[in-house]
C-alpha atoms as a PDB file:
ATOM      1  CA  MET A   1      35.398  -9.712  41.914  1.00  0.00           C
ATOM      2  CA  SER A   2      32.358  -7.542  40.308  1.00  0.00           C
ATOM      3  CA  LYS A   3      31.586  -6.381  36.928  1.00  0.00           C
ATOM      4  CA  HIS A   4      33.122  -3.297  35.511  1.00  0.00           C
ATOM      5  CA  SER A   5      30.415  -0.674  35.622  1.00  0.00           C
ATOM      6  CA  SER A   6      30.661  -0.217  31.496  1.00  0.00           C
ATOM      7  CA  LEU A   7      29.530  -3.719  31.213  1.00  0.00           C
ATOM      8  CA  LYS A   8      26.303  -3.684  33.490  1.00  0.00           C
ATOM      9  CA  ALA A   9      23.084  -3.415  31.765  1.00  0.00           C
ATOM     10  CA  LYS A  10      20.997  -0.377  32.024  1.00  0.00           C
ATOM     11  CA  GLY A  11      17.286  -0.071  32.031  1.00  0.00           C
ATOM     12  CA  SER A  12      15.358  -3.158  31.064  1.00  0.00           C
ATOM     13  CA  ALA A  13      17.263  -6.423  32.617  1.00  0.00           C
ATOM     14  CA  ALA A  14      15.808  -8.699  29.763  1.00  0.00           C
ATOM     15  CA  GLY A  15      15.072  -8.091  26.198  1.00  0.00           C
ATOM     16  CA  LYS A  16      12.594 -10.127  23.787  1.00  0.00           C
ATOM     17  CA  ARG A  17      13.346 -13.507  23.662  1.00  0.00           C
ATOM     18  CA  SER A  18      12.915 -14.942  19.716  1.00  0.00           C
ATOM     19  CA  VAL A  19      13.203 -18.603  21.011  1.00  0.00           C
ATOM     20  CA  MET A  20      10.923 -20.932  23.042  1.00  0.00           C
ATOM     21  CA  LYS A  21      12.010 -23.600  25.477  1.00  0.00           C
ATOM     22  CA  ARG A  22      11.095 -26.986  24.936  1.00  0.00           C
ATOM     23  CA  PHE A  23       8.314 -27.018  27.352  1.00  0.00           C
ATOM     24  CA  GLU A  24       6.969 -23.652  26.138  1.00  0.00           C
ATOM     25  CA  ARG A  25       6.745 -25.103  22.858  1.00  0.00           C
ATOM     26  CA  VAL A  26       4.938 -28.295  23.775  1.00  0.00           C
ATOM     27  CA  LYS A  27       2.627 -25.955  26.047  1.00  0.00           C
ATOM     28  CA  ALA A  28       1.920 -23.728  22.889  1.00  0.00           C
ATOM     29  CA  LEU A  29       1.474 -27.047  20.611  1.00  0.00           C
ATOM     30  CA  LYS A  30      -0.981 -28.465  23.025  1.00  0.00           C
ATOM     31  CA  GLU A  31      -3.148 -25.015  23.064  1.00  0.00           C
ATOM     32  CA  SER A  32      -3.145 -25.419  19.198  1.00  0.00           C
ATOM     33  CA  GLY A  33      -4.280 -29.086  19.213  1.00  0.00           C
ATOM     34  CA  LYS A  34      -1.110 -30.260  17.281  1.00  0.00           C
ATOM     35  CA  TRP A  35       0.158 -32.319  20.292  1.00  0.00           C
ATOM     36  CA  GLU A  36      -0.560 -35.715  21.006  1.00  0.00           C
ATOM     37  CA  GLU A  37       0.246 -37.408  24.564  1.00  0.00           C
ATOM     38  CA  GLY A  38       2.991 -40.039  24.034  1.00  0.00           C
ATOM     39  CA  GLN A  39       4.428 -38.113  21.149  1.00  0.00           C
ATOM     40  CA  SER A  40       8.436 -37.669  21.317  1.00  0.00           C
ATOM     41  CA  PRO A  41       9.636 -34.164  22.463  1.00  0.00           C
ATOM     42  CA  ILE A  42      12.627 -34.614  20.396  1.00  0.00           C
ATOM     43  CA  GLY A  43      12.568 -32.714  16.709  1.00  0.00           C
ATOM     44  CA  LEU A  44       9.601 -30.453  17.501  1.00  0.00           C
ATOM     45  CA  PRO A  45       8.181 -28.099  14.885  1.00  0.00           C
ATOM     46  CA  LYS A  46       9.034 -24.489  14.885  1.00  0.00           C
ATOM     47  CA  THR A  47       6.882 -22.261  16.836  1.00  0.00           C
ATOM     48  CA  LYS A  48       6.204 -18.503  16.875  1.00  0.00           C
ATOM     49  CA  VAL A  49       6.857 -16.535  20.039  1.00  0.00           C
ATOM     50  CA  THR A  50       3.852 -15.341  21.094  1.00  0.00           C
ATOM     51  CA  LYS A  51       4.662 -12.765  24.219  1.00  0.00           C
END
């Protein structure tokens, strides 16, 4: 079964995301120097989306 033509996205396939995945937040925290090795990835602080 296929999607109805009125439900298909037109133009760009994806919009701007307002949240980051956990691995993206850890990477951003490492780059800013706020991440220590061995730290738990649960309960990470919020980070701004840079893209």
